[in-house]
Amino acid sequence: MTGLDINRRKVLKASGVAVAIAVAGCLGDDDDTDDDAPEEVAAHMSDANAYEGVEDYTGESSVTIDNGTNGPDYAFEPAAIQVDPGTEVTWTWVSDGHSVESVDGPEEFDSGIENEGFEFSHTFDESGIVLYQCGPHQGIGHIGAVVVD
């Protein structure tokens, strides 16, 4: 065996370890954004586009969410929020052909399908978790959540 063979093996072995560590990091449990999310929200949002955890808007009297961002994989931004009871949430359409409709929770609403520039508001008076979606695009991850606490 030559010195070249030994060094080549060391390099290959080190490269293999580095790749294994990198892949393990990619495949690991990516719950960093869900640590504080209620289980119901984390489950609903598992396939959501642009979901980066529940964003805290407690103490705010109103919150605006963009509807139809990130096309063609449409999203709400922010996708999940926490607010106080009595907070008014306004969704603003940033592209065409979207809706906001509740699918589970203590409050019901449905904007109908609208186009860019449209705004829809709902005041969340009851504590609880409201899961919602864009009717036409929920199957591709255009979903959201409001935690009222």
Protein backbone atom coordinates (compact mmCIF):
# COMPACT_ATOMS: atom_id res chain seq x y z
CA MET A 1 0.00 0.00 0.00
CA THR A 2 1.34 3.44 -0.87
CA GLY A 3 1.09 6.67 1.09
CA LEU A 4 -1.33 7.87 -1.57
CA ASP A 5 -3.74 5.00 -0.87
CA ILE A 6 -3.72 5.69 2.89
CA ASN A 7 -4.37 9.42 2.42
CA ARG A 8 -7.09 8.71 -0.12
CA ARG A 9 -8.83 6.39 2.35
CA LYS A 10 -8.59 9.00 5.11
CA VAL A 11 -10.13 11.63 2.84
CA LEU A 12 -12.92 9.29 1.74
CA LYS A 13 -13.65 8.26 5.32
CA ALA A 14 -13.73 11.87 6.52
CA SER A 15 -15.95 12.84 3.59
CA GLY A 16 -18.33 10.00 4.38
CA VAL A 17 -18.60 11.09 8.02
CA ALA A 18 -19.21 14.71 6.98
CA VAL A 19 -21.95 13.68 4.55
CA ALA A 20 -23.59 11.45 7.18
CA ILE A 21 -23.63 14.30 9.70
CA ALA A 22 -25.05 16.72 7.12
CA VAL A 23 -27.77 14.31 6.06
CA ALA A 24 -28.66 13.52 9.67
CA GLY A 25 -29.10 17.24 10.30
CA CYS A 26 -31.45 17.51 7.33
CA LEU A 27 -33.46 14.46 8.34
CA GLY A 28 -33.64 15.32 12.03
CA ASP A 29 -36.74 16.45 13.87
CA ASP A 30 -37.41 20.00 12.66
CA ASP A 31 -39.79 21.02 15.42
CA ASP A 32 -38.00 24.25 16.29
CA THR A 33 -40.92 26.32 14.98
CA ASP A 34 -43.54 24.08 16.59
CA ASP A 35 -42.13 23.98 20.14
CA ASP A 36 -44.61 26.58 21.38
CA ALA A 37 -47.44 25.70 18.99
CA PRO A 38 -50.44 23.84 20.38
CA GLU A 39 -50.54 20.27 19.06
CA GLU A 40 -53.68 21.00 17.03
CA VAL A 41 -51.97 23.92 15.27
CA ALA A 42 -48.75 22.00 14.63
CA ALA A 43 -50.71 19.12 13.08
CA HIS A 44 -52.83 21.43 10.88
CA MET A 45 -49.83 23.47 9.79
CA SER A 46 -47.55 20.51 9.02
CA ASP A 47 -48.18 20.94 5.27
CA ALA A 48 -48.56 24.73 5.26
CA ASN A 49 -46.53 26.93 2.94
CA ALA A 50 -44.43 29.67 4.62
CA TYR A 51 -45.17 28.37 8.14
CA GLU A 52 -42.48 29.46 10.57
CA GLY A 53 -44.25 28.82 13.86
CA VAL A 54 -46.97 30.76 15.64
CA GLU A 55 -46.15 34.46 15.59
CA ASP A 56 -47.14 36.35 18.74
CA TYR A 57 -49.36 39.38 18.16
CA THR A 58 -50.84 39.51 21.65
CA GLY A 59 -51.25 43.09 22.80
CA GLU A 60 -52.12 44.27 19.27
CA SER A 61 -55.65 45.48 18.53
CA SER A 62 -55.38 44.57 14.85
CA VAL A 63 -53.24 42.30 12.67
CA THR A 64 -52.89 42.10 8.87
CA ILE A 65 -52.17 38.84 7.03
CA ASP A 66 -51.24 38.74 3.34
CA ASN A 67 -53.32 36.22 1.37
CA GLY A 68 -51.87 34.61 -1.76
CA THR A 69 -48.14 35.18 -1.31
CA ASN A 70 -45.42 32.82 -2.52
CA GLY A 71 -47.13 31.73 -5.77
CA PRO A 72 -47.49 29.16 -7.21
CA ASP A 73 -47.34 27.48 -3.76
CA TYR A 74 -49.66 30.03 -2.22
CA ALA A 75 -49.46 31.01 1.43
CA PHE A 76 -50.78 33.24 4.18
CA GLU A 77 -48.08 35.45 5.69
CA PRO A 78 -47.83 35.11 8.58
CA ALA A 79 -49.35 31.63 8.40
CA ALA A 80 -50.14 31.21 12.12
CA ILE A 81 -50.66 33.89 14.75
CA GLN A 82 -51.58 34.25 18.40
CA VAL A 83 -53.83 37.14 19.42
CA ASP A 84 -55.89 38.35 22.36
CA PRO A 85 -59.70 38.08 22.34
CA GLY A 86 -61.15 41.16 20.62
CA THR A 87 -58.35 41.42 18.04
CA GLU A 88 -59.39 42.27 14.49
CA VAL A 89 -57.54 40.25 11.83
CA THR A 90 -57.56 41.58 8.26
CA TRP A 91 -56.51 39.43 5.32
CA THR A 92 -55.29 41.39 2.28
CA TRP A 93 -55.29 39.65 -1.11
CA VAL A 94 -51.94 40.02 -2.90
CA SER A 95 -52.91 37.81 -5.85
CA ASP A 96 -56.12 36.59 -7.51
CA GLY A 97 -58.49 33.71 -6.83
CA HIS A 98 -58.21 33.16 -3.06
CA SER A 99 -60.49 32.86 -0.07
CA VAL A 100 -60.30 32.74 3.71
CA GLU A 101 -62.61 30.19 5.29
CA SER A 102 -62.63 28.67 8.76
CA VAL A 103 -62.47 24.88 8.90
CA ASP A 104 -62.40 24.27 12.67
CA GLY A 105 -62.75 26.29 15.82
CA PRO A 106 -65.16 28.35 17.89
CA GLU A 107 -65.73 30.98 15.17
CA GLU A 108 -66.87 30.64 11.56
CA PHE A 109 -66.17 32.89 8.60
CA ASP A 110 -65.91 32.69 4.81
CA SER A 111 -64.79 35.53 2.57
CA GLY A 112 -65.72 33.84 -0.69
CA ILE A 113 -63.24 33.80 -3.58
CA GLU A 114 -61.81 37.25 -4.27
CA ASN A 115 -58.96 38.94 -6.16
CA GLU A 116 -55.92 41.12 -5.51
CA GLY A 117 -56.67 44.24 -3.47
CA PHE A 118 -59.65 42.73 -1.62
CA GLU A 119 -59.67 42.84 2.18
CA PHE A 120 -61.63 40.70 4.62
CA SER A 121 -61.72 41.29 8.37
CA HIS A 122 -62.88 39.21 11.31
CA THR A 123 -62.75 40.07 15.01
CA PHE A 124 -61.86 37.08 17.17
CA ASP A 125 -63.91 37.34 20.34
CA GLU A 126 -63.79 33.76 21.64
CA SER A 127 -60.74 32.03 23.07
CA GLY A 128 -59.64 28.93 21.22
CA ILE A 129 -57.92 27.78 18.07
CA VAL A 130 -59.33 28.64 14.66
CA LEU A 131 -57.93 26.70 11.72
CA TYR A 132 -58.57 28.18 8.28
CA GLN A 133 -57.72 27.75 4.62
CA CYS A 134 -57.93 29.16 1.13
CA GLY A 135 -60.68 27.00 -0.39
CA PRO A 136 -59.19 26.76 -3.89
CA HIS A 137 -55.62 26.13 -2.69
CA GLN A 138 -55.81 24.31 0.64
CA GLY A 139 -54.61 21.11 -1.04
CA ILE A 140 -51.27 22.74 -1.90
CA GLY A 141 -50.63 24.12 1.59
CA HIS A 142 -52.49 27.46 1.58
CA ILE A 143 -53.66 27.09 5.18
CA GLY A 144 -53.43 29.06 8.40
CA ALA A 145 -54.27 29.23 12.09
CA VAL A 146 -55.27 31.80 14.70
CA VAL A 147 -54.73 31.04 18.36
CA VAL A 148 -56.92 33.28 20.53
CA ASP A 149 -55.76 33.28 24.13
